[in-house]
Structures are given as C-alpha cells and as structure tokens.
Amino acid sequence: MAKRRIAWWKLLGLAGAAGVAASGVLVARNQRQRNSYTPEQVRARLQERLNEAAKEQ
C-alpha cells in the first residue's frame, strides 16, 4: 500500500512540474510574439546602431 501511495504522489508531482513547464513555454511564446518586429523595424534599428557606433569612433 505504501508503494502505491508514493507512486501516486510522484505522478502528482510530475504532472505539476509538467504544468509549470507548459506555462513557461506559453509565456515565452507570447513574449516573442509581442517582441516580433517587421523587417523594416529591424533594418531601421540596425542602421541606428551602426550610426551610433560610427559616431563613437
């Protein structure tokens, strides 16, 4: 009986860990979608950084 109880708690713990991991994946994916930039935005930002670097030299 004790072995069965331990196995039950292990399964519950594993299910909880899987739920936390899945939540983290969803949060990370949502964050990437919010931070997604158009190619024009990326190009403009790179040009800004290039100009700043040229000014420093």
PDB file of N, CA and C in Angstrom:
ATOM      1  N   MET A   1       0.831  -1.194   0.000  1.00  0.00           N
ATOM      2  CA  MET A   1       0.000   0.000   0.000  1.00  0.00           C
ATOM      3  C   MET A   1       0.872   1.253   0.000  1.00  0.00           C
ATOM      4  N   ALA A   2       1.969   1.230   0.751  1.00  0.00           N
ATOM      5  CA  ALA A   2       2.836   2.402   0.832  1.00  0.00           C
ATOM      6  C   ALA A   2       3.453   2.708  -0.523  1.00  0.00           C
ATOM      7  N   LYS A   3       3.832   1.684  -1.274  1.00  0.00           N
ATOM      8  CA  LYS A   3       4.417   1.899  -2.592  1.00  0.00           C
ATOM      9  C   LYS A   3       3.423   2.581  -3.526  1.00  0.00           C
ATOM     10  N   ARG A   4       2.179   2.167  -3.449  1.00  0.00           N
ATOM     11  CA  ARG A   4       1.156   2.756  -4.309  1.00  0.00           C
ATOM     12  C   ARG A   4       0.941   4.233  -3.964  1.00  0.00           C
ATOM     13  N   ARG A   5       0.976   4.592  -2.691  1.00  0.00           N
ATOM     14  CA  ARG A   5       0.804   5.978  -2.263  1.00  0.00           C
ATOM     15  C   ARG A   5       1.973   6.829  -2.761  1.00  0.00           C
ATOM     16  N   ILE A   6       3.182   6.315  -2.663  1.00  0.00           N
ATOM     17  CA  ILE A   6       4.358   7.048  -3.127  1.00  0.00           C
ATOM     18  C   ILE A   6       4.254   7.270  -4.635  1.00  0.00           C
ATOM     19  N   ALA A   7       3.876   6.267  -5.374  1.00  0.00           N
ATOM     20  CA  ALA A   7       3.748   6.387  -6.820  1.00  0.00           C
ATOM     21  C   ALA A   7       2.704   7.443  -7.168  1.00  0.00           C
ATOM     22  N   TRP A   8       1.621   7.487  -6.400  1.00  0.00           N
ATOM     23  CA  TRP A   8       0.566   8.466  -6.666  1.00  0.00           C
ATOM     24  C   TRP A   8       1.097   9.887  -6.478  1.00  0.00           C
ATOM     25  N   TRP A   9       1.862  10.116  -5.404  1.00  0.00           N
ATOM     26  CA  TRP A   9       2.417  11.436  -5.152  1.00  0.00           C
ATOM     27  C   TRP A   9       3.468  11.804  -6.192  1.00  0.00           C
ATOM     28  N   LYS A  10       4.223  10.817  -6.642  1.00  0.00           N
ATOM     29  CA  LYS A  10       5.210  11.078  -7.687  1.00  0.00           C
ATOM     30  C   LYS A  10       4.512  11.528  -8.968  1.00  0.00           C
ATOM     31  N   LEU A  11       3.442  10.837  -9.316  1.00  0.00           N
ATOM     32  CA  LEU A  11       2.698  11.215 -10.520  1.00  0.00           C
ATOM     33  C   LEU A  11       2.107  12.618 -10.389  1.00  0.00           C
ATOM     34  N   LEU A  12       1.600  12.917  -9.225  1.00  0.00           N
ATOM     35  CA  LEU A  12       1.049  14.250  -8.998  1.00  0.00           C
ATOM     36  C   LEU A  12       2.140  15.310  -9.111  1.00  0.00           C
ATOM     37  N   GLY A  13       3.296  15.032  -8.567  1.00  0.00           N
ATOM     38  CA  GLY A  13       4.417  15.968  -8.662  1.00  0.00           C
ATOM     39  C   GLY A  13       4.891  16.145 -10.090  1.00  0.00           C
ATOM     40  N   LEU A  14       4.982  15.061 -10.834  1.00  0.00           N
ATOM     41  CA  LEU A  14       5.388  15.143 -12.236  1.00  0.00           C
ATOM     42  C   LEU A  14       4.368  15.923 -13.059  1.00  0.00           C
ATOM     43  N   ALA A  15       3.099  15.722 -12.789  1.00  0.00           N
ATOM     44  CA  ALA A  15       2.058  16.457 -13.504  1.00  0.00           C
ATOM     45  C   ALA A  15       2.148  17.952 -13.188  1.00  0.00           C
ATOM     46  N   GLY A  16       2.429  18.279 -11.944  1.00  0.00           N
ATOM     47  CA  GLY A  16       2.591  19.685 -11.565  1.00  0.00           C
ATOM     48  C   GLY A  16       3.789  20.311 -12.257  1.00  0.00           C
ATOM     49  N   ALA A  17       4.910  19.580 -12.303  1.00  0.00           N
ATOM     50  CA  ALA A  17       6.108  20.090 -12.973  1.00  0.00           C
ATOM     51  C   ALA A  17       5.854  20.281 -14.461  1.00  0.00           C
ATOM     52  N   ALA A  18       5.143  19.352 -15.072  1.00  0.00           N
ATOM     53  CA  ALA A  18       4.819  19.479 -16.497  1.00  0.00           C
ATOM     54  C   ALA A  18       3.920  20.686 -16.737  1.00  0.00           C
ATOM     55  N   GLY A  19       3.002  20.939 -15.832  1.00  0.00           N
ATOM     56  CA  GLY A  19       2.126  22.108 -15.957  1.00  0.00           C
ATOM     57  C   GLY A  19       2.893  23.413 -15.861  1.00  0.00           C
ATOM     58  N   VAL A  20       3.851  23.475 -14.950  1.00  0.00           N
ATOM     59  CA  VAL A  20       4.676  24.669 -14.802  1.00  0.00           C
ATOM     60  C   VAL A  20       5.513  24.887 -16.058  1.00  0.00           C
ATOM     61  N   ALA A  21       6.096  23.813 -16.580  1.00  0.00           N
ATOM     62  CA  ALA A  21       6.915  23.919 -17.792  1.00  0.00           C
ATOM     63  C   ALA A  21       6.068  24.378 -18.973  1.00  0.00           C
ATOM     64  N   ALA A  22       4.872  23.821 -19.103  1.00  0.00           N
ATOM     65  CA  ALA A  22       3.990  24.210 -20.210  1.00  0.00           C
ATOM     66  C   ALA A  22       3.589  25.680 -20.085  1.00  0.00           C
ATOM     67  N   SER A  23       3.350  26.134 -18.879  1.00  0.00           N
ATOM     68  CA  SER A  23       3.008  27.550 -18.676  1.00  0.00           C
ATOM     69  C   SER A  23       4.176  28.442 -19.072  1.00  0.00           C
ATOM     70  N   GLY A  24       5.379  28.028 -18.723  1.00  0.00           N
ATOM     71  CA  GLY A  24       6.564  28.800 -19.094  1.00  0.00           C
ATOM     72  C   GLY A  24       6.735  28.892 -20.594  1.00  0.00           C
ATOM     73  N   VAL A  25       6.461  27.803 -21.283  1.00  0.00           N
ATOM     74  CA  VAL A  25       6.562  27.796 -22.745  1.00  0.00           C
ATOM     75  C   VAL A  25       5.550  28.759 -23.343  1.00  0.00           C
ATOM     76  N   LEU A  26       4.340  28.751 -22.830  1.00  0.00           N
ATOM     77  CA  LEU A  26       3.305  29.649 -23.352  1.00  0.00           C
ATOM     78  C   LEU A  26       3.652  31.114 -23.101  1.00  0.00           C
ATOM     79  N   VAL A  27       4.179  31.399 -21.930  1.00  0.00           N
ATOM     80  CA  VAL A  27       4.572  32.773 -21.614  1.00  0.00           C
ATOM     81  C   VAL A  27       5.700  33.225 -22.530  1.00  0.00           C
ATOM     82  N   ALA A  28       6.690  32.363 -22.741  1.00  0.00           N
ATOM     83  CA  ALA A  28       7.818  32.710 -23.606  1.00  0.00           C
ATOM     84  C   ALA A  28       7.355  32.931 -25.043  1.00  0.00           C
ATOM     85  N   ARG A  29       6.474  32.085 -25.523  1.00  0.00           N
ATOM     86  CA  ARG A  29       5.966  32.246 -26.896  1.00  0.00           C
ATOM     87  C   ARG A  29       5.194  33.548 -27.038  1.00  0.00           C
ATOM     88  N   ASN A  30       4.386  33.860 -26.047  1.00  0.00           N
ATOM     89  CA  ASN A  30       3.619  35.100 -26.076  1.00  0.00           C
ATOM     90  C   ASN A  30       4.555  36.307 -26.062  1.00  0.00           C
ATOM     91  N   GLN A  31       5.609  36.244 -25.280  1.00  0.00           N
ATOM     92  CA  GLN A  31       6.578  37.337 -25.212  1.00  0.00           C
ATOM     93  C   GLN A  31       7.275  37.525 -26.554  1.00  0.00           C
ATOM     94  N   ARG A  32       7.643  36.423 -27.213  1.00  0.00           N
ATOM     95  CA  ARG A  32       8.290  36.523 -28.525  1.00  0.00           C
ATOM     96  C   ARG A  32       7.352  37.157 -29.533  1.00  0.00           C
ATOM     97  N   GLN A  33       6.072  36.827 -29.473  1.00  0.00           N
ATOM     98  CA  GLN A  33       5.109  37.414 -30.404  1.00  0.00           C
ATOM     99  C   GLN A  33       4.976  38.915 -30.164  1.00  0.00           C
ATOM    100  N   ARG A  34       5.002  39.336 -28.920  1.00  0.00           N
ATOM    101  CA  ARG A  34       4.914  40.765 -28.621  1.00  0.00           C
ATOM    102  C   ARG A  34       6.160  41.502 -29.076  1.00  0.00           C
ATOM    103  N   ASN A  35       7.307  40.824 -29.041  1.00  0.00           N
ATOM    104  CA  ASN A  35       8.562  41.447 -29.411  1.00  0.00           C
ATOM    105  C   ASN A  35       8.907  41.249 -30.883  1.00  0.00           C
ATOM    106  N   SER A  36       8.000  40.673 -31.658  1.00  0.00           N
ATOM    107  CA  SER A  36       8.325  40.437 -33.059  1.00  0.00           C
ATOM    108  C   SER A  36       8.302  41.769 -33.810  1.00  0.00           C
ATOM    109  N   TYR A  37       9.314  41.973 -34.625  1.00  0.00           N
ATOM    110  CA  TYR A  37       9.469  43.212 -35.364  1.00  0.00           C
ATOM    111  C   TYR A  37       9.348  42.942 -36.851  1.00  0.00           C
ATOM    112  N   THR A  38       8.914  43.930 -37.580  1.00  0.00           N
ATOM    113  CA  THR A  38       8.870  43.816 -39.027  1.00  0.00           C
ATOM    114  C   THR A  38      10.291  43.961 -39.555  1.00  0.00           C
ATOM    115  N   PRO A  39      10.558  43.495 -40.763  1.00  0.00           N
ATOM    116  CA  PRO A  39      11.903  43.662 -41.328  1.00  0.00           C
ATOM    117  C   PRO A  39      12.326  45.128 -41.401  1.00  0.00           C
ATOM    118  N   GLU A  40      11.389  46.015 -41.653  1.00  0.00           N
ATOM    119  CA  GLU A  40      11.720  47.439 -41.712  1.00  0.00           C
ATOM    120  C   GLU A  40      12.167  47.972 -40.356  1.00  0.00           C
ATOM    121  N   GLN A  41      11.500  47.504 -39.302  1.00  0.00           N
ATOM    122  CA  GLN A  41      11.873  47.932 -37.954  1.00  0.00           C
ATOM    123  C   GLN A  41      13.266  47.417 -37.590  1.00  0.00           C
ATOM    124  N   VAL A  42      13.556  46.185 -37.965  1.00  0.00           N
ATOM    125  CA  VAL A  42      14.875  45.616 -37.684  1.00  0.00           C
ATOM    126  C   VAL A  42      15.941  46.401 -38.448  1.00  0.00           C
ATOM    127  N   ARG A  43      15.687  46.667 -39.709  1.00  0.00           N
ATOM    128  CA  ARG A  43      16.637  47.403 -40.538  1.00  0.00           C
ATOM    129  C   ARG A  43      16.894  48.793 -39.975  1.00  0.00           C
ATOM    130  N   ALA A  44      15.831  49.470 -39.561  1.00  0.00           N
ATOM    131  CA  ALA A  44      15.976  50.813 -39.003  1.00  0.00           C
ATOM    132  C   ALA A  44      16.791  50.785 -37.716  1.00  0.00           C
ATOM    133  N   ARG A  45      16.530  49.807 -36.874  1.00  0.00           N
ATOM    134  CA  ARG A  45      17.268  49.703 -35.609  1.00  0.00           C
ATOM    135  C   ARG A  45      18.747  49.403 -35.859  1.00  0.00           C
ATOM    136  N   LEU A  46      19.017  48.534 -36.829  1.00  0.00           N
ATOM    137  CA  LEU A  46      20.408  48.234 -37.151  1.00  0.00           C
ATOM    138  C   LEU A  46      21.123  49.471 -37.696  1.00  0.00           C
ATOM    139  N   GLN A  47      20.444  50.252 -38.504  1.00  0.00           N
ATOM    140  CA  GLN A  47      21.045  51.481 -39.027  1.00  0.00           C
ATOM    141  C   GLN A  47      21.339  52.463 -37.898  1.00  0.00           C
ATOM    142  N   GLU A  48      20.409  52.567 -36.940  1.00  0.00           N
ATOM    143  CA  GLU A  48      20.628  53.444 -35.785  1.00  0.00           C
ATOM    144  C   GLU A  48      21.867  53.000 -35.005  1.00  0.00           C
ATOM    145  N   ARG A  49      21.986  51.703 -34.766  1.00  0.00           N
ATOM    146  CA  ARG A  49      23.129  51.189 -34.012  1.00  0.00           C
ATOM    147  C   ARG A  49      24.430  51.399 -34.774  1.00  0.00           C
ATOM    148  N   LEU A  50      24.372  51.232 -36.087  1.00  0.00           N
ATOM    149  CA  LEU A  50      25.563  51.448 -36.906  1.00  0.00           C
ATOM    150  C   LEU A  50      25.997  52.910 -36.841  1.00  0.00           C
ATOM    151  N   ASN A  51      25.042  53.812 -36.956  1.00  0.00           N
ATOM    152  CA  ASN A  51      25.356  55.252 -36.883  1.00  0.00           C
ATOM    153  C   ASN A  51      25.914  55.626 -35.518  1.00  0.00           C
ATOM    154  N   GLU A  52      25.351  55.064 -34.451  1.00  0.00           N
ATOM    155  CA  GLU A  52      25.869  55.346 -33.109  1.00  0.00           C
ATOM    156  C   GLU A  52      27.295  54.835 -32.953  1.00  0.00           C
ATOM    157  N   ALA A  53      27.566  53.654 -33.486  1.00  0.00           N
ATOM    158  CA  ALA A  53      28.910  53.081 -33.395  1.00  0.00           C
ATOM    159  C   ALA A  53      29.903  53.923 -34.207  1.00  0.00           C
ATOM    160  N   ALA A  54      29.484  54.427 -35.341  1.00  0.00           N
ATOM    161  CA  ALA A  54      30.368  55.246 -36.188  1.00  0.00           C
ATOM    162  C   ALA A  54      30.676  56.565 -35.489  1.00  0.00           C
ATOM    163  N   LYS A  55      29.725  57.135 -34.775  1.00  0.00           N
ATOM    164  CA  LYS A  55      29.933  58.386 -34.060  1.00  0.00           C
ATOM    165  C   LYS A  55      30.940  58.212 -32.931  1.00  0.00           C
ATOM    166  N   GLU A  56      30.932  57.053 -32.279  1.00  0.00           N
ATOM    167  CA  GLU A  56      31.816  56.803 -31.137  1.00  0.00           C
ATOM    168  C   GLU A  56      33.271  56.645 -31.568  1.00  0.00           C
ATOM    169  N   GLN A  57      33.509  56.260 -32.798  1.00  0.00           N
ATOM    170  CA  GLN A  57      34.873  56.019 -33.239  1.00  0.00           C
ATOM    171  C   GLN A  57      35.507  57.264 -33.698  1.00  0.00           C
TER     172      GLN A  57
END
